[in-house]
Amino acid sequence: MTDPSTTPGQAARPHIDTSVPHSARIWNYWLGGKDNYPVDEAAGDAYSAVYPGIVTIARSSRAFLARNITYLVDEAGIRQFLDIGTGLPTVDNTHEVAQRLAPETRIVYADHDPMVLAHARALLTSTPQGATAYVDADIADPDRILAAAAETLDFSRPTALILSNILGHVADYDQARAIVARLLDGLPSGSYLSINDGSRGVDADYEQAQDAYNETGAVPYYLRPVDRIEAFFDGLELLDPGVVSVPFWRPDPKSPAPVAIGEHGGLALKP
């Protein structure tokens, strides 16, 4: 079953403005994706000219997510995922990683972006044994996300909640904490929370570049101190090695030695 669609009554063909750069398309460009336009490439190149490490951060974030999903499917036995703020499909999307390992896995993506929606319809396809669905909803409305996701996922069963590079778009920290808490309230014991976000305290050049980007009028993304990222996991059982710079989260022993970057994340169990 595949149902990457909007909820009933929403517009079938959202307007997409390709005349201005868009953060999701820029991220897609840094990841090596093709769903972007020259204006996005120009913006991405301008950012990477100031801070070349942004490409490493983007790709390390995606690799961290893939390692999380692999653990969740192979070792924790999770067969349901709720991925909020998914952004544009590129390579190794949540459903691709999970369904390669367990074809019966069910995934719901949530985002509030007409361009992401248009691409999701075309690209977020499922195995016949499993399911993918798309929820057009803002992270600021967790009740709506949970209600729509329940049409595909069975919330009496453990579910993995994925919040990858999305909480930095919620400017108010207390609001971000409240959103995470409400989403977790909707999931049963035995569920998991995966978070990774841009962090402060590791790379001053990255912080300067991101602060400058936020002042351009683009949709801002706020880097947070590591202890604030850690606090999103309060009340949960963090898996080793805890909240770390993402290359250090259970790295592939065959890969080069990890190097710290301004992106921290972790994975935790809801008791």
Protein backbone atom coordinates (compact mmCIF):
# COMPACT_ATOMS: atom_id res chain seq x y z
CA MET A 1 0.00 0.00 0.00
CA THR A 2 1.26 3.46 -0.88
CA ASP A 3 -0.61 6.60 0.06
CA PRO A 4 1.65 9.67 -0.07
CA SER A 5 -1.28 12.07 -0.19
CA THR A 6 -2.79 15.02 1.55
CA THR A 7 -5.70 14.79 3.91
CA PRO A 8 -9.14 15.07 2.25
CA GLY A 9 -10.13 18.48 0.95
CA GLN A 10 -6.63 19.87 0.52
CA ALA A 11 -5.41 21.23 -2.79
CA ALA A 12 -4.23 18.59 -5.21
CA ARG A 13 -1.61 20.76 -6.91
CA PRO A 14 0.21 23.06 -4.50
CA HIS A 15 1.93 26.18 -5.81
CA ILE A 16 5.71 25.87 -5.85
CA ASP A 17 7.80 29.03 -6.21
CA THR A 18 11.03 28.17 -8.02
CA SER A 19 12.24 31.77 -8.25
CA VAL A 20 13.68 31.90 -4.73
CA PRO A 21 15.96 29.41 -2.95
CA HIS A 22 14.32 26.96 -0.61
CA SER A 23 15.96 25.34 2.42
CA ALA A 24 14.69 21.82 1.63
CA ARG A 25 15.96 22.03 -1.96
CA ILE A 26 19.31 23.42 -0.78
CA TRP A 27 19.65 20.51 1.68
CA ASN A 28 18.72 18.15 -1.15
CA TYR A 29 21.51 19.69 -3.24
CA TRP A 30 24.08 19.25 -0.47
CA LEU A 31 23.03 15.61 -0.17
CA GLY A 32 23.65 15.07 -3.86
CA GLY A 33 19.98 14.97 -4.81
CA LYS A 34 18.49 16.17 -8.10
CA ASP A 35 15.26 17.79 -6.89
CA ASN A 36 16.49 21.36 -6.87
CA TYR A 37 16.84 24.34 -9.18
CA PRO A 38 19.73 26.63 -10.21
CA VAL A 39 18.66 29.19 -7.63
CA ASP A 40 19.01 26.54 -4.91
CA GLU A 41 22.39 25.42 -6.20
CA ALA A 42 23.56 29.04 -6.19
CA ALA A 43 22.41 29.52 -2.60
CA GLY A 44 23.96 26.22 -1.55
CA ASP A 45 27.24 27.11 -3.24
CA ALA A 46 27.22 30.55 -1.58
CA TYR A 47 26.78 28.95 1.84
CA SER A 48 29.41 26.29 1.25
CA ALA A 49 31.84 28.93 -0.01
CA VAL A 50 31.61 30.56 3.41
CA TYR A 51 31.47 27.25 5.28
CA PRO A 52 32.51 24.21 3.21
CA GLY A 53 31.77 21.86 6.12
CA ILE A 54 28.02 22.16 5.57
CA VAL A 55 28.10 19.34 3.01
CA THR A 56 29.76 17.07 5.57
CA ILE A 57 27.12 18.01 8.13
CA ALA A 58 24.27 17.24 5.72
CA ARG A 59 25.69 13.87 4.72
CA SER A 60 26.73 12.93 8.27
CA SER A 61 23.18 13.69 9.41
CA ARG A 62 21.73 11.35 6.80
CA ALA A 63 24.25 8.62 7.68
CA PHE A 64 23.37 8.95 11.39
CA LEU A 65 19.70 8.51 10.55
CA ALA A 66 20.43 5.39 8.50
CA ARG A 67 22.38 3.84 11.39
CA ASN A 68 19.52 4.65 13.78
CA ILE A 69 16.95 3.04 11.50
CA THR A 70 19.12 -0.02 10.98
CA TYR A 71 19.39 -0.51 14.74
CA LEU A 72 15.67 0.05 15.23
CA VAL A 73 14.67 -2.53 12.62
CA ASP A 74 17.38 -5.13 13.09
CA GLU A 75 17.90 -5.03 16.85
CA ALA A 76 14.85 -3.36 18.38
CA GLY A 77 12.29 -5.01 16.07
CA ILE A 78 10.53 -1.75 15.20
CA ARG A 79 8.18 -1.94 12.25
CA GLN A 80 6.54 1.50 12.42
CA PHE A 81 8.11 4.92 11.87
CA LEU A 82 6.77 8.47 12.13
CA ASP A 83 9.23 10.80 10.40
CA ILE A 84 8.38 14.48 10.93
CA GLY A 85 9.97 17.22 8.88
CA THR A 86 11.23 14.72 6.37
CA GLY A 87 12.24 17.27 3.75
CA LEU A 88 12.75 16.28 0.14
CA PRO A 89 13.28 12.64 -0.78
CA THR A 90 16.91 11.93 -1.68
CA VAL A 91 18.75 8.65 -1.03
CA ASP A 92 18.26 6.33 1.92
CA ASN A 93 14.98 7.84 3.02
CA THR A 94 13.47 6.30 6.14
CA HIS A 95 11.21 3.88 4.29
CA GLU A 96 14.00 2.78 1.94
CA VAL A 97 16.37 1.87 4.77
CA ALA A 98 13.66 0.26 6.90
CA GLN A 99 11.94 -1.70 4.14
CA ARG A 100 15.20 -3.06 2.74
CA LEU A 101 15.60 -4.74 6.13
CA ALA A 102 11.93 -5.54 6.80
CA PRO A 103 9.61 -5.07 3.81
CA GLU A 104 6.50 -5.08 6.02
CA THR A 105 7.53 -1.85 7.79
CA ARG A 106 5.01 1.01 7.78
CA ILE A 107 6.16 4.63 7.58
CA VAL A 108 4.35 7.94 7.84
CA TYR A 109 6.12 11.10 6.75
CA ALA A 110 4.90 14.50 7.92
CA ASP A 111 5.86 17.89 6.56
CA HIS A 112 4.16 21.22 5.93
CA ASP A 113 5.56 22.29 2.61
CA PRO A 114 3.80 22.20 -0.77
CA MET A 115 6.99 21.35 -2.64
CA VAL A 116 7.82 18.45 -0.36
CA LEU A 117 4.24 17.24 -0.73
CA ALA A 118 4.47 17.25 -4.51
CA HIS A 119 7.67 15.22 -4.46
CA ALA A 120 6.35 12.88 -1.77
CA ARG A 121 3.43 11.89 -3.95
CA ALA A 122 5.79 10.86 -6.71
CA LEU A 123 8.70 9.35 -4.81
CA LEU A 124 7.64 7.96 -1.42
CA THR A 125 6.63 4.54 -2.67
CA SER A 126 6.34 1.45 -0.52
CA THR A 127 6.98 -2.25 -0.80
CA PRO A 128 3.78 -4.26 -1.37
CA GLN A 129 4.10 -5.76 2.12
CA GLY A 130 4.42 -2.44 3.94
CA ALA A 131 3.03 1.07 3.63
CA THR A 132 4.13 4.67 3.27
CA ALA A 133 1.91 7.69 3.75
CA TYR A 134 2.36 11.44 3.80
CA VAL A 135 0.72 13.82 6.28
CA ASP A 136 0.50 17.48 5.31
CA ALA A 137 0.82 19.02 8.77
CA ASP A 138 3.05 21.43 10.67
CA ILE A 139 5.22 20.18 13.51
CA ALA A 140 3.59 22.92 15.60
CA ASP A 141 0.36 20.88 15.45
CA PRO A 142 1.36 17.51 16.96
CA ASP A 143 -2.23 16.47 17.64
CA ARG A 144 -3.08 16.72 13.96
CA ILE A 145 0.03 14.76 13.03
CA LEU A 146 -0.80 11.96 15.45
CA ALA A 147 -4.43 11.78 14.35
CA ALA A 148 -3.53 11.60 10.66
CA ALA A 149 -0.67 9.14 11.21
CA ALA A 150 -3.02 6.82 13.10
CA GLU A 151 -4.76 6.10 9.79
CA THR A 152 -1.63 4.17 8.73
CA LEU A 153 0.16 3.31 11.98
CA ASP A 154 -1.14 1.29 14.93
CA PHE A 155 -0.23 3.34 17.98
CA SER A 156 -0.85 0.40 20.29
CA ARG A 157 2.44 -0.96 18.89
CA PRO A 158 5.93 0.50 19.44
CA THR A 159 6.78 3.21 16.95
CA ALA A 160 9.97 5.12 16.20
CA LEU A 161 9.59 8.91 16.12
CA ILE A 162 12.16 10.57 13.85
CA LEU A 163 12.92 14.29 14.28
CA SER A 164 15.91 14.90 12.02
CA ASN A 165 17.03 18.51 11.63
CA ILE A 166 13.53 19.83 12.26
CA LEU A 167 13.49 21.10 15.86
CA GLY A 168 15.97 23.83 14.91
CA HIS A 169 13.14 25.40 12.91
CA VAL A 170 11.12 25.86 16.12
CA ALA A 171 12.51 29.11 17.47
CA ASP A 172 11.07 28.89 20.97
CA TYR A 173 12.86 26.18 22.95
CA ASP A 174 10.02 25.61 25.40
CA GLN A 175 7.64 25.13 22.49
CA ALA A 176 10.05 22.63 20.92
CA ARG A 177 10.21 20.69 24.22
CA ALA A 178 6.41 20.70 24.46
CA ILE A 179 6.04 19.40 20.89
CA VAL A 180 8.39 16.49 21.56
CA ALA A 181 6.57 15.66 24.80
CA ARG A 182 3.15 15.70 23.12
CA LEU A 183 4.29 13.47 20.27
CA LEU A 184 5.78 10.99 22.73
CA ASP A 185 2.57 11.01 24.75
CA GLY A 186 0.84 9.57 21.70
CA LEU A 187 3.23 6.61 21.46
CA PRO A 188 3.21 3.48 23.65
CA SER A 189 5.90 2.12 25.92
CA GLY A 190 8.64 0.47 23.87
CA SER A 191 8.67 3.27 21.30
CA TYR A 192 11.82 5.19 20.39
CA LEU A 193 12.81 8.80 19.80
CA SER A 194 15.56 9.71 17.32
CA ILE A 195 16.70 13.33 17.22
CA ASN A 196 19.57 15.04 15.49
CA ASP A 197 20.02 18.78 15.11
CA GLY A 198 22.63 21.44 14.52
CA SER A 199 24.57 22.27 17.67
CA ARG A 200 26.66 25.02 19.20
CA GLY A 201 29.97 24.64 20.95
CA VAL A 202 31.90 22.59 18.39
CA ASP A 203 32.49 24.73 15.30
CA ALA A 204 32.47 28.53 15.55
CA ASP A 205 32.70 28.90 11.75
CA TYR A 206 29.51 26.88 11.30
CA GLU A 207 27.73 28.94 13.95
CA GLN A 208 28.77 32.18 12.24
CA ALA A 209 27.66 30.93 8.83
CA GLN A 210 24.28 29.75 10.12
CA ASP A 211 23.63 32.94 12.06
CA ALA A 212 24.39 34.95 8.91
CA TYR A 213 22.04 32.72 6.89
CA ASN A 214 19.25 33.29 9.41
CA GLU A 215 19.61 37.04 8.91
CA THR A 216 19.03 36.82 5.14
CA GLY A 217 15.27 36.49 5.48
CA ALA A 218 15.29 32.80 4.62
CA VAL A 219 13.41 30.38 6.87
CA PRO A 220 15.71 30.35 9.91
CA TYR A 221 17.26 27.33 11.55
CA TYR A 222 18.59 27.79 15.09
CA LEU A 223 21.60 25.90 16.38
CA ARG A 224 21.28 24.86 20.04
CA PRO A 225 23.76 24.04 22.80
CA VAL A 226 24.28 20.31 23.25
CA ASP A 227 22.67 20.26 26.70
CA ARG A 228 19.45 21.57 25.17
CA ILE A 229 19.45 18.79 22.59
CA GLU A 230 20.08 16.30 25.40
CA ALA A 231 17.09 17.65 27.31
CA PHE A 232 14.71 16.59 24.53
CA PHE A 233 15.34 13.05 25.77
CA ASP A 234 14.40 13.73 29.42
CA GLY A 235 12.42 10.82 30.89
CA LEU A 236 13.65 8.38 28.26
CA GLU A 237 16.36 5.72 28.32
CA LEU A 238 19.19 6.94 26.10
CA LEU A 239 21.05 4.24 24.22
CA ASP A 240 24.84 4.26 24.31
CA PRO A 241 26.72 6.40 23.50
CA GLY A 242 24.10 9.00 24.44
CA VAL A 243 23.83 12.36 22.69
CA VAL A 244 27.02 12.84 20.71
CA SER A 245 28.29 14.52 17.58
CA VAL A 246 26.57 12.36 14.99
CA PRO A 247 29.66 10.76 13.41
CA PHE A 248 30.38 9.26 16.85
CA TRP A 249 26.99 7.53 17.16
CA ARG A 250 27.84 3.86 16.61
CA PRO A 251 30.07 4.51 13.61
CA ASP A 252 30.73 1.84 11.03
CA PRO A 253 34.04 0.28 12.08
CA LYS A 254 35.00 0.07 8.41
CA SER A 255 34.66 3.84 7.97
CA PRO A 256 37.39 6.42 8.62
CA ALA A 257 37.76 7.59 12.22
CA PRO A 258 34.93 10.00 13.08
CA VAL A 259 35.54 13.73 13.50
CA ALA A 260 33.31 15.96 15.64
CA ILE A 261 30.96 18.32 13.79
CA GLY A 262 28.29 20.79 14.89
CA GLU A 263 25.48 18.26 14.67
CA HIS A 264 24.43 16.20 17.70
CA GLY A 265 21.94 13.40 18.06
CA GLY A 266 20.86 10.37 19.97
CA LEU A 267 18.34 7.54 20.19
CA ALA A 268 16.25 6.73 23.25
CA LEU A 269 13.65 4.22 24.40
CA LYS A 270 10.34 5.23 25.95
CA PRO A 271 10.01 3.05 29.08
